[in-house]
C-alpha cells in the first residue's frame, strides 16, 4: 500500500507522537509498504538521513518548545507532493496539518485515519493557570467535527475512547495502544548500567519526558523532596528538556536538593537504556497521559513505574504487580516512590512484574 503520514512533529524530535510515527513508518516500510511523511521542518533533521527518507517538509518557526516548531501554511504544500497519490492518509493532529491531510486524502480518493494522541482539553487545565478552561466546549466541538471528517479514529487508551464518546464523535473508534520502540531501548545488566553512570548503590528514581506544565515536574520534585529521609542519598534523575526547565532548576536550588535531584537534559537511546536499566523506579506526576511510552520502555528494562492512578497509566500499570498507582493527594506520590526505593523486596517483585509485562 501507499501511505502518507501527516504529522506536526516527526523525527528527530523527542516526543511521544514523533516517536510513534517514526516507529510506524519504520515497521510499515519493513513490511513492504511505501510510506511518505508530511511534516514541519526540524533544525536537527539532516538531508539524506535514512531515518527521514520520504519526508516532505513545510517551513516552521513558531513553538513553545524548540524541539516542536510549527507555522501557518503560507506558501502551499511542498512541490515534492505534486502528482503523488496514496491508499491511506494517516493524520496525527486535529489542527494545522490535520485538516490538510484530510483534504489531501479526499482529493486522491484515499481512506483517512486519525490517531487521537491526546485529550486535548487537558492542556487547558495545565497551561496559564487553567484560565483556558472556558474554551473546552469549543475545543470539544472542533475536535468532534475533525474526528467525524475521517473514516476511522485510533485511540491509544481507554481514556481517549471515553473522551471521544463524551464529545459525541460518531466515527468508528478503535483502541490501539501506542507502541514503544523496544529495539531502540535495550535492557542492560543492572550493575553495568549503574557502573557506567557512577551511581554506586544509591536508590534512583528516573523521570523522562518534557519539562512542561502538563508533566507537572515541579510537583514531582516537591513530592520527592517531601519523601526524603534526613541524610538520604536517594536520587531523582530528570531526563528531558522544555519550557519549565529553568523553573525546575530554581526549585531544586531553593529546596537545597542539588545532591538529590539531577537534571540530565535530553537523552539519546543509549543513555535512556542506561538510565532505565539502572533506575529502581520510573516516576511521573502527570495527570494527562493517554499512552505513556516511558512506562513500556521502562518495563522492557525491568524497571517498574510509580505514577498517579490516572487515565493513561491505568491501562499500563497493574498496581502492586508491575508498578504502583497512587492517589493525587499531597504526599501520596512521594510516599509511593519512597516505598519502592527503600524496600528491596518490593522493588524486586515489581521489577519481575514489569519485565513480564513488557511487549
Protein backbone atom coordinates (compact mmCIF):
# COMPACT_ATOMS: atom_id res chain seq x y z
CA UNK A 1 0.00 0.00 0.00
CA UNK A 2 0.94 3.64 -0.41
CA UNK A 3 0.58 5.54 2.86
CA UNK A 4 1.02 9.20 3.76
CA UNK A 5 1.68 10.07 7.40
CA UNK A 6 0.68 13.65 8.21
CA UNK A 7 2.13 14.87 11.50
CA UNK A 8 3.07 18.21 13.04
CA UNK A 9 6.12 16.58 14.68
CA UNK A 10 8.49 13.89 13.48
CA UNK A 11 12.00 12.51 14.00
CA UNK A 12 14.42 13.66 15.24
CA UNK A 13 12.03 15.44 17.60
CA UNK A 14 11.92 13.79 21.04
CA UNK A 15 8.27 13.43 21.95
CA UNK A 16 5.72 10.66 22.03
CA UNK A 17 3.95 11.47 18.78
CA UNK A 18 7.18 11.88 16.81
CA UNK A 19 8.48 8.53 18.08
CA UNK A 20 5.10 6.82 17.48
CA UNK A 21 5.04 7.97 13.85
CA UNK A 22 8.72 7.18 13.23
CA UNK A 23 8.28 3.66 14.59
CA UNK A 24 5.15 3.14 12.49
CA UNK A 25 6.94 4.34 9.36
CA UNK A 26 9.87 2.00 10.01
CA UNK A 27 7.66 -1.02 10.61
CA UNK A 28 5.37 -0.33 7.65
CA UNK A 29 8.33 0.03 5.31
CA UNK A 30 9.83 -3.19 6.66
CA UNK A 31 6.61 -4.89 5.58
CA UNK A 32 6.94 -3.60 2.03
CA UNK A 33 4.63 -0.57 2.12
CA UNK A 34 5.52 2.77 0.50
CA UNK A 35 5.35 5.48 3.16
CA UNK A 36 5.68 9.26 2.80
CA UNK A 37 5.66 11.74 5.67
CA UNK A 38 4.32 15.30 5.52
CA UNK A 39 5.58 17.33 8.47
CA UNK A 40 7.25 20.55 9.56
CA UNK A 41 10.97 21.20 9.18
CA UNK A 42 13.22 20.43 12.15
CA UNK A 43 16.56 22.08 12.95
CA UNK A 44 18.30 18.74 13.54
CA UNK A 45 16.87 16.84 10.57
CA UNK A 46 19.72 16.07 8.19
CA UNK A 47 19.06 15.59 4.45
CA UNK A 48 20.00 12.10 3.34
CA UNK A 49 19.48 10.53 6.76
CA UNK A 50 17.79 7.15 6.11
CA UNK A 51 15.53 7.79 9.10
CA UNK A 52 13.93 10.73 7.28
CA UNK A 53 13.71 9.28 3.77
CA UNK A 54 10.44 10.24 2.10
CA UNK A 55 9.88 13.28 4.33
CA UNK A 56 8.17 16.30 2.75
CA UNK A 57 8.76 19.44 4.83
CA UNK A 58 6.93 22.67 5.47
CA UNK A 59 8.63 25.74 6.98
CA UNK A 60 8.33 26.09 10.77
CA UNK A 61 9.27 28.91 13.10
CA UNK A 62 6.73 29.06 15.95
CA UNK A 63 6.77 26.86 19.05
CA UNK A 64 6.73 26.74 22.85
CA UNK A 65 9.44 24.10 22.60
CA UNK A 66 12.49 24.38 20.31
CA UNK A 67 12.07 20.68 19.53
CA UNK A 68 8.50 21.16 18.25
CA UNK A 69 8.01 24.12 15.91
CA UNK A 70 5.08 24.73 13.56
CA UNK A 71 3.77 27.60 11.43
CA UNK A 72 0.79 28.66 9.34
CA UNK A 73 0.90 27.17 5.84
CA UNK A 74 1.53 30.28 3.79
CA UNK A 75 3.37 29.02 0.72
CA UNK A 76 1.34 25.92 -0.10
CA UNK A 77 2.35 22.28 0.11
CA UNK A 78 5.81 21.04 -0.91
CA UNK A 79 6.26 20.59 -4.68
CA UNK A 80 7.54 17.09 -3.95
CA UNK A 81 3.93 16.03 -3.27
CA UNK A 82 2.73 17.03 -6.74
CA UNK A 83 1.27 14.14 -8.68
CA UNK A 84 1.50 11.68 -5.80
CA UNK A 85 -1.39 9.61 -4.50
CA UNK A 86 -1.93 7.23 -1.59
CA UNK A 87 -4.27 4.48 -0.48
CA UNK A 88 -4.28 5.68 3.12
CA UNK A 89 -3.64 9.10 4.63
CA UNK A 90 -2.98 8.81 8.37
CA UNK A 91 -3.17 12.09 10.28
CA UNK A 92 -1.91 12.65 13.82
CA UNK A 93 -3.16 16.10 14.86
CA UNK A 94 -6.59 17.75 14.62
CA UNK A 95 -5.27 21.22 13.77
CA UNK A 96 -2.65 22.68 11.42
CA UNK A 97 -1.59 19.72 9.26
CA UNK A 98 -4.52 17.50 10.28
CA UNK A 99 -7.16 19.21 8.10
CA UNK A 100 -4.58 19.43 5.29
CA UNK A 101 -4.20 15.66 5.48
CA UNK A 102 -7.94 15.11 5.33
CA UNK A 103 -8.23 17.32 2.23
CA UNK A 104 -5.30 15.53 0.59
CA UNK A 105 -6.89 12.18 1.30
CA UNK A 106 -10.24 13.19 -0.13
CA UNK A 107 -8.59 14.69 -3.20
CA UNK A 108 -6.83 11.45 -4.12
CA UNK A 109 -9.62 9.10 -3.00
CA UNK A 110 -7.69 7.65 -0.04
CA UNK A 111 -9.09 6.37 3.22
CA UNK A 112 -8.31 8.79 6.05
CA UNK A 113 -7.33 7.54 9.51
CA UNK A 114 -6.70 9.69 12.57
CA UNK A 115 -4.81 8.75 15.73
CA UNK A 116 -6.07 10.85 18.66
CA UNK A 117 -2.88 11.05 20.68
CA UNK A 118 -4.21 13.33 23.42
CA UNK A 119 -7.27 14.50 25.28
CA UNK A 120 -6.57 17.98 24.00
CA UNK A 121 -8.74 19.79 26.53
CA UNK A 122 -6.43 18.56 29.31
CA UNK A 123 -3.86 21.11 28.23
CA UNK A 124 -6.32 23.88 29.05
CA UNK A 125 -6.18 22.70 32.69
CA UNK A 126 -2.39 22.85 32.97
CA UNK A 127 -1.35 25.93 30.99
CA UNK A 128 -1.74 29.58 32.03
CA UNK A 129 -3.30 28.83 35.42
CA UNK A 130 -6.21 26.99 33.83
CA UNK A 131 -7.88 30.16 32.54
CA UNK A 132 -8.34 28.47 29.17
CA UNK A 133 -10.90 26.04 30.59
CA UNK A 134 -13.67 28.31 29.33
CA UNK A 135 -12.71 27.22 25.81
CA UNK A 136 -13.25 23.50 26.48
CA UNK A 137 -16.71 23.29 24.88
CA UNK A 138 -15.47 24.99 21.70
CA UNK A 139 -12.39 22.75 21.53
CA UNK A 140 -14.51 19.64 22.11
CA UNK A 141 -16.81 20.64 19.25
CA UNK A 142 -13.88 21.38 16.95
CA UNK A 143 -12.23 18.03 17.64
CA UNK A 144 -15.54 16.20 17.18
CA UNK A 145 -16.02 17.76 13.75
CA UNK A 146 -12.49 16.85 12.75
CA UNK A 147 -12.75 13.28 14.03
CA UNK A 148 -16.01 12.75 12.16
CA UNK A 149 -14.40 14.01 8.94
CA UNK A 150 -12.12 10.92 9.00
CA UNK A 151 -13.01 7.32 8.16
CA UNK A 152 -11.66 5.79 11.37
CA UNK A 153 -10.01 7.02 14.56
CA UNK A 154 -7.49 5.14 16.69
CA UNK A 155 -7.36 5.76 20.44
CA UNK A 156 -4.20 4.85 22.42
CA UNK A 157 -6.02 4.39 25.74
CA UNK A 158 -9.42 3.79 27.24
CA UNK A 159 -9.39 7.42 28.45
CA UNK A 160 -9.34 8.66 24.85
CA UNK A 161 -12.13 6.26 23.88
CA UNK A 162 -14.28 7.63 26.72
CA UNK A 163 -13.49 11.23 25.80
CA UNK A 164 -14.37 10.77 22.12
CA UNK A 165 -17.67 9.24 23.20
CA UNK A 166 -18.23 12.12 25.63
CA UNK A 167 -17.79 14.79 22.95
CA UNK A 168 -20.21 12.99 20.64
CA UNK A 169 -17.92 11.61 17.95
CA UNK A 170 -19.78 9.20 15.67
CA UNK A 171 -16.87 7.85 13.62
CA UNK A 172 -15.64 4.30 14.25
CA UNK A 173 -13.13 4.36 17.13
CA UNK A 174 -10.65 1.53 17.56
CA UNK A 175 -8.46 1.05 20.63
CA UNK A 176 -4.80 0.85 19.56
CA UNK A 177 -2.25 1.31 22.33
CA UNK A 178 0.71 3.48 21.43
CA UNK A 179 3.73 1.30 20.64
CA UNK A 180 7.08 1.70 22.36
CA UNK A 181 10.23 1.07 20.35
CA UNK A 182 11.87 -1.62 22.43
CA UNK A 183 14.51 -2.08 19.73
CA UNK A 184 15.68 1.46 20.42
CA UNK A 185 15.64 0.93 24.20
CA UNK A 186 17.82 -2.06 25.09
CA UNK A 187 17.95 -3.65 28.54
CA UNK A 188 21.44 -3.72 30.04
CA UNK A 189 22.76 -5.61 33.07
CA UNK A 190 21.80 -3.50 36.07
CA UNK A 191 25.27 -3.49 37.66
CA UNK A 192 26.91 -2.49 34.39
CA UNK A 193 24.43 0.34 33.82
CA UNK A 194 24.93 1.65 37.35
CA UNK A 195 28.70 1.49 36.99
CA UNK A 196 28.54 3.36 33.66
CA UNK A 197 26.50 6.12 35.32
CA UNK A 198 28.62 6.10 38.51
CA UNK A 199 25.57 5.54 40.71
CA UNK A 200 27.02 3.08 43.18
CA UNK A 201 24.25 1.75 45.41
CA UNK A 202 22.16 4.92 45.50
CA UNK A 203 18.38 4.45 45.24
CA UNK A 204 17.37 6.06 41.92
CA UNK A 205 14.02 7.36 40.67
CA UNK A 206 14.01 8.31 36.99
CA UNK A 207 11.73 10.70 35.09
CA UNK A 208 11.91 11.16 31.34
CA UNK A 209 9.76 13.48 29.26
CA UNK A 210 9.12 17.13 28.57
CA UNK A 211 9.84 19.58 31.37
CA UNK A 212 6.50 21.27 30.78
CA UNK A 213 3.37 22.36 32.63
CA UNK A 214 1.27 19.31 31.78
CA UNK A 215 4.00 16.93 33.02
CA UNK A 216 3.97 18.58 36.47
CA UNK A 217 7.69 18.08 37.03
CA UNK A 218 7.79 20.75 39.73
CA UNK A 219 5.14 18.77 41.62
CA UNK A 220 7.23 15.62 41.15
CA UNK A 221 10.29 17.34 42.66
CA UNK A 222 8.21 18.58 45.58
CA UNK A 223 6.78 15.10 46.24
CA UNK A 224 10.22 13.51 46.04
CA UNK A 225 11.69 16.12 48.39
CA UNK A 226 8.93 15.51 50.91
CA UNK A 227 9.67 11.79 50.93
CA UNK A 228 13.42 12.09 51.62
CA UNK A 229 14.63 10.90 55.00
CA UNK A 230 17.35 13.04 56.62
CA UNK A 231 20.73 12.19 55.13
CA UNK A 232 19.23 10.10 52.32
CA UNK A 233 21.38 9.73 49.21
CA UNK A 234 18.36 8.84 47.02
CA UNK A 235 18.50 10.45 43.59
CA UNK A 236 15.76 11.77 41.31
CA UNK A 237 17.15 11.98 37.77
CA UNK A 238 15.20 14.14 35.34
CA UNK A 239 15.70 13.38 31.65
CA UNK A 240 14.34 15.82 29.07
CA UNK A 241 14.00 19.49 28.31
CA UNK A 242 11.23 22.04 27.93
CA UNK A 243 9.86 25.45 28.78
CA UNK A 244 9.79 24.80 32.54
CA UNK A 245 13.39 23.55 32.83
CA UNK A 246 14.67 26.83 34.30
CA UNK A 247 11.83 26.89 36.86
CA UNK A 248 12.59 23.31 37.92
CA UNK A 249 16.29 24.15 38.25
CA UNK A 250 15.42 27.09 40.52
CA UNK A 251 13.16 24.89 42.64
CA UNK A 252 15.96 22.36 43.08
CA UNK A 253 18.34 25.08 44.23
CA UNK A 254 15.77 26.74 46.50
CA UNK A 255 14.93 23.46 48.20
CA UNK A 256 18.61 22.58 48.69
CA UNK A 257 18.27 19.43 46.59
CA UNK A 258 21.42 19.71 44.49
CA UNK A 259 22.70 16.40 45.91
CA UNK A 260 19.41 14.57 45.41
CA UNK A 261 17.94 15.86 42.13
CA UNK A 262 19.87 15.88 38.88
CA UNK A 263 18.72 17.44 35.59
CA UNK A 264 20.12 15.37 32.73
CA UNK A 265 18.77 17.25 29.70
CA UNK A 266 17.75 15.41 26.52
CA UNK A 267 18.93 11.80 26.35
CA UNK A 268 19.71 9.65 23.32
CA UNK A 269 18.64 6.00 23.02
CA UNK A 270 21.82 4.62 24.59
CA UNK A 271 21.61 7.00 27.55
CA UNK A 272 17.94 6.17 28.06
CA UNK A 273 18.75 2.46 28.02
CA UNK A 274 21.38 3.02 30.72
CA UNK A 275 19.06 5.02 32.98
CA UNK A 276 16.06 2.70 32.58
CA UNK A 277 18.29 -0.29 33.33
CA UNK A 278 19.97 1.37 36.33
CA UNK A 279 16.97 3.03 37.96
CA UNK A 280 14.94 1.48 40.75
CA UNK A 281 11.73 3.08 39.52
CA UNK A 282 10.40 5.25 36.70
CA UNK A 283 8.19 8.08 38.01
CA UNK A 284 5.63 10.61 36.81
CA UNK A 285 3.31 13.20 38.35
CA UNK A 286 1.34 13.80 35.15
CA UNK A 287 -2.47 13.74 35.20
CA UNK A 288 -2.93 13.93 31.44
CA UNK A 289 -1.23 10.96 29.79
CA UNK A 290 -3.03 8.95 27.11
CA UNK A 291 -0.44 6.33 26.20
CA UNK A 292 2.76 6.84 28.19
CA UNK A 293 5.57 5.28 26.18
CA UNK A 294 8.01 5.69 29.06
CA UNK A 295 6.16 3.06 31.10
CA UNK A 296 6.59 0.44 28.37
CA UNK A 297 10.20 1.45 27.71
CA UNK A 298 10.91 1.11 31.44
CA UNK A 299 9.18 -2.28 31.55
CA UNK A 300 11.41 -3.53 28.75
CA UNK A 301 14.37 -2.78 31.05
CA UNK A 302 12.71 -4.44 34.09
CA UNK A 303 12.09 -1.05 35.70
CA UNK A 304 8.69 -0.63 37.42
CA UNK A 305 6.79 2.67 37.44
CA UNK A 306 5.15 4.80 40.09
CA UNK A 307 2.50 7.18 38.80
CA UNK A 308 -0.85 8.70 39.63
CA UNK A 309 -3.92 6.48 39.41
CA UNK A 310 -4.96 8.50 36.39
CA UNK A 311 -6.02 7.91 32.80
CA UNK A 312 -3.26 6.60 30.59
CA UNK A 313 -1.37 4.90 33.38
CA UNK A 314 -4.39 2.81 34.37
CA UNK A 315 -4.14 0.85 31.09
CA UNK A 316 -0.45 0.03 31.54
CA UNK A 317 0.28 -0.30 35.25
CA UNK A 318 -1.23 -3.02 37.41
CA UNK A 319 -0.64 -1.64 40.88
CA UNK A 320 1.34 -3.97 43.08
CA UNK A 321 2.31 -6.16 40.12
CA UNK A 322 4.44 -4.12 37.70
CA UNK A 323 4.35 -0.75 39.42
CA UNK A 324 2.39 1.39 41.85
CA UNK A 325 -0.58 3.66 41.16
CA UNK A 326 -1.28 6.25 43.81
CA UNK A 327 -3.77 8.99 44.54
CA UNK A 328 -3.18 12.65 43.75
CA UNK A 329 -3.43 13.61 47.43
CA UNK A 330 -0.49 15.68 48.71
CA UNK A 331 2.34 13.40 49.79
CA UNK A 332 0.89 10.23 48.27
CA UNK A 333 3.15 10.11 45.23
CA UNK A 334 6.27 10.80 47.29
CA UNK A 335 5.30 8.10 49.77
CA UNK A 336 4.80 5.57 46.94
CA UNK A 337 8.17 6.44 45.41
CA UNK A 338 9.86 6.13 48.80
CA UNK A 339 8.25 2.74 49.43
CA UNK A 340 9.83 1.30 46.29
CA UNK A 341 13.22 2.97 46.84
CA UNK A 342 13.51 1.78 50.45
CA UNK A 343 12.08 -1.76 50.16
CA UNK A 344 14.39 -4.03 48.10
CA UNK A 345 11.91 -6.91 48.24
CA UNK A 346 9.07 -4.79 46.87
CA UNK A 347 11.31 -3.36 44.17
CA UNK A 348 12.43 -6.87 43.14
CA UNK A 349 8.82 -8.12 42.87
CA UNK A 350 7.72 -5.10 40.86
CA UNK A 351 10.78 -5.40 38.62
CA UNK A 352 9.90 -9.00 37.80
CA UNK A 353 6.33 -7.98 37.08
CA UNK A 354 7.46 -5.09 34.88
CA UNK A 355 9.69 -7.29 32.75
CA UNK A 356 6.92 -9.90 32.41
CA UNK A 357 4.53 -7.13 31.26
CA UNK A 358 6.85 -5.77 28.58
CA UNK A 359 5.61 -6.29 25.00
